[in-house]
Protein backbone atom coordinates (compact mmCIF):
# COMPACT_ATOMS: atom_id res chain seq x y z
CA UNK A 1 -24.62 -11.07 7.95
CA UNK A 2 -22.70 -11.07 11.20
CA UNK A 3 -20.68 -7.94 11.95
CA UNK A 4 -17.51 -9.90 12.72
CA UNK A 5 -17.51 -11.33 9.20
CA UNK A 6 -17.88 -7.85 7.72
CA UNK A 7 -14.88 -6.55 9.68
CA UNK A 8 -12.73 -9.51 8.68
CA UNK A 9 -13.75 -9.29 5.03
CA UNK A 10 -13.06 -5.55 4.87
CA UNK A 11 -9.57 -5.92 6.33
CA UNK A 12 -8.86 -8.81 3.95
CA UNK A 13 -10.04 -6.74 0.97
CA UNK A 14 -7.87 -3.81 2.06
CA UNK A 15 -4.73 -5.92 2.39
CA UNK A 16 -5.47 -7.81 -0.84
CA UNK A 17 -5.52 -4.49 -2.71
CA UNK A 18 -2.41 -3.38 -0.79
CA UNK A 19 -0.49 -6.52 -1.79
CA UNK A 20 -1.58 -6.16 -5.41
CA UNK A 21 -0.43 -2.52 -5.51
CA UNK A 22 2.84 -3.45 -3.85
CA UNK A 23 3.61 -6.38 -6.16
CA UNK A 24 2.53 -4.61 -9.36
CA UNK A 25 3.32 -0.93 -8.84
CA UNK A 26 2.51 1.51 -11.61
CA UNK A 27 5.39 3.89 -10.82
CA UNK A 28 8.08 1.26 -10.40
CA UNK A 29 10.10 2.08 -13.56
CA UNK A 30 10.12 5.79 -12.71
CA UNK A 31 11.43 5.07 -9.22
CA UNK A 32 14.08 2.67 -10.53
CA UNK A 33 15.34 5.27 -13.02
CA UNK A 34 15.44 7.94 -10.33
CA UNK A 35 17.35 5.64 -7.96
CA UNK A 36 19.88 4.71 -10.63
CA UNK A 37 20.44 8.41 -11.44
CA UNK A 38 20.88 9.16 -7.74
CA UNK A 39 23.40 6.32 -7.40
CA UNK A 40 25.38 7.67 -10.36
CA UNK A 41 25.50 11.11 -8.75
CA UNK A 42 26.45 9.69 -5.34
CA UNK A 43 29.56 8.10 -6.82
CA UNK A 44 30.97 11.50 -7.81
CA UNK A 45 33.02 12.77 -4.83
CA UNK A 46 33.13 16.46 -5.78
CA UNK A 47 30.07 17.65 -7.63
CA UNK A 48 29.73 20.76 -9.74
CA UNK A 49 26.98 23.23 -8.96
CA UNK A 50 24.82 21.82 -11.75
CA UNK A 51 25.27 18.25 -10.49
CA UNK A 52 24.35 19.35 -6.97
CA UNK A 53 21.16 20.97 -8.26
CA UNK A 54 20.29 17.84 -10.23
CA UNK A 55 20.93 15.66 -7.17
CA UNK A 56 18.74 17.81 -4.92
CA UNK A 57 15.95 17.93 -7.51
CA UNK A 58 16.05 14.14 -7.84
CA UNK A 59 16.22 13.46 -4.12
CA UNK A 60 13.63 16.06 -3.08
CA UNK A 61 11.29 16.60 -6.01
CA UNK A 62 8.89 19.52 -5.93
CA UNK A 63 5.36 18.44 -5.18
CA UNK A 64 2.59 19.88 -7.26
CA UNK A 65 -0.53 21.26 -5.66
CA UNK A 66 -3.62 19.12 -5.94
CA UNK A 67 -5.49 19.71 -9.17
CA UNK A 68 -8.83 18.16 -9.90
CA UNK A 69 -8.85 16.28 -13.17
CA UNK A 70 -11.84 14.57 -14.73
CA UNK A 71 -9.73 11.48 -15.31
CA UNK A 72 -9.74 10.99 -11.53
CA UNK A 73 -13.48 10.21 -11.53
CA UNK A 74 -13.33 7.02 -13.65
CA UNK A 75 -10.24 5.94 -11.70
CA UNK A 76 -12.10 6.42 -8.42
CA UNK A 77 -15.13 4.52 -9.74
CA UNK A 78 -12.82 1.70 -10.91
CA UNK A 79 -11.25 1.48 -7.43
CA UNK A 80 -14.70 1.28 -5.82
CA UNK A 81 -15.75 -1.39 -8.34
CA UNK A 82 -12.63 -3.47 -7.57
CA UNK A 83 -13.22 -3.10 -3.84
CA UNK A 84 -16.81 -4.33 -4.21
CA UNK A 85 -15.82 -7.26 -6.45
CA UNK A 86 -13.10 -8.42 -4.06
CA UNK A 87 -15.52 -8.01 -1.13
CA UNK A 88 -18.11 -10.14 -2.92
CA UNK A 89 -15.46 -12.82 -3.60
CA UNK A 90 -14.57 -12.94 0.10
CA UNK A 91 -18.28 -13.00 1.01
CA UNK A 92 -18.79 -15.96 -1.31
CA UNK A 93 -15.80 -17.78 0.22
CA UNK A 94 -17.07 -17.16 3.75
CA UNK A 95 -20.56 -18.32 2.74
CA UNK A 96 -19.26 -21.39 0.88
CA UNK A 97 -17.15 -22.56 3.82
CA UNK A 98 -19.84 -21.50 6.32
CA UNK A 99 -17.49 -19.23 8.27
CA UNK A 100 -19.32 -17.19 10.89
CA UNK A 101 -17.34 -15.06 13.32
CA UNK A 102 -18.71 -13.11 16.27
CA UNK A 103 -18.03 -9.40 16.69
CA UNK A 104 -15.21 -9.83 19.23
CA UNK A 105 -13.28 -12.12 16.86
CA UNK A 106 -13.69 -9.57 14.06
CA UNK A 107 -12.38 -6.74 16.24
CA UNK A 108 -9.50 -8.90 17.47
CA UNK A 109 -8.65 -9.83 13.87
CA UNK A 110 -8.67 -6.15 12.82
CA UNK A 111 -6.23 -5.32 15.63
CA UNK A 112 -3.86 -8.29 15.30
CA UNK A 113 -3.76 -8.99 11.54
CA UNK A 114 -1.95 -5.74 10.55
CA UNK A 115 0.74 -6.35 13.18
CA UNK A 116 1.35 -9.91 11.96
CA UNK A 117 1.26 -8.70 8.35
CA UNK A 118 3.92 -6.06 9.09
CA UNK A 119 6.11 -8.62 10.86
CA UNK A 120 5.97 -10.94 7.85
CA UNK A 121 6.67 -8.07 5.43
CA UNK A 122 9.62 -6.92 7.54
CA UNK A 123 10.94 -10.47 7.78
CA UNK A 124 11.12 -10.78 3.99
CA UNK A 125 12.33 -7.22 3.51
CA UNK A 126 9.36 -6.19 1.39
CA UNK A 127 8.25 -3.16 3.40
CA UNK A 128 10.54 -0.33 4.38
CA UNK A 129 7.84 2.02 5.65
CA UNK A 130 6.64 2.78 9.14
CA UNK A 131 5.84 -0.24 11.25
CA UNK A 132 2.38 -0.24 12.83
CA UNK A 133 3.83 -1.44 16.15
CA UNK A 134 5.09 2.11 16.81
CA UNK A 135 1.54 3.11 17.69
CA UNK A 136 1.25 0.27 20.23
CA UNK A 137 4.19 1.39 22.39
């Protein structure tokens, strides 16, 4: 297989998984509840000491130290399995349509695709995180 195809397929797999995780987040309900609680507390002009503590704990939650759990192993294996399956699907599509890209096209795609992807996400207001163009300044 040509190296350019591998680069393009890997970046497509990465962003396919990224879009899936963004459209179907597992922690969405928790974040929505936290945001609604924060909005309720923001409305109160003068907060009691207990309300201030609750607001700070909601806004800046304490982060736990990393603990190894055996449940992480099957989750990690599942992520690898999904990555391989999606990669094989893209390989089949590239083979079926006889798409062969040289190395320079693959490298160019890896550099330009994330920038275009971020512009589209920003245009539709889907991504509020750091824009990748910051690193190109």
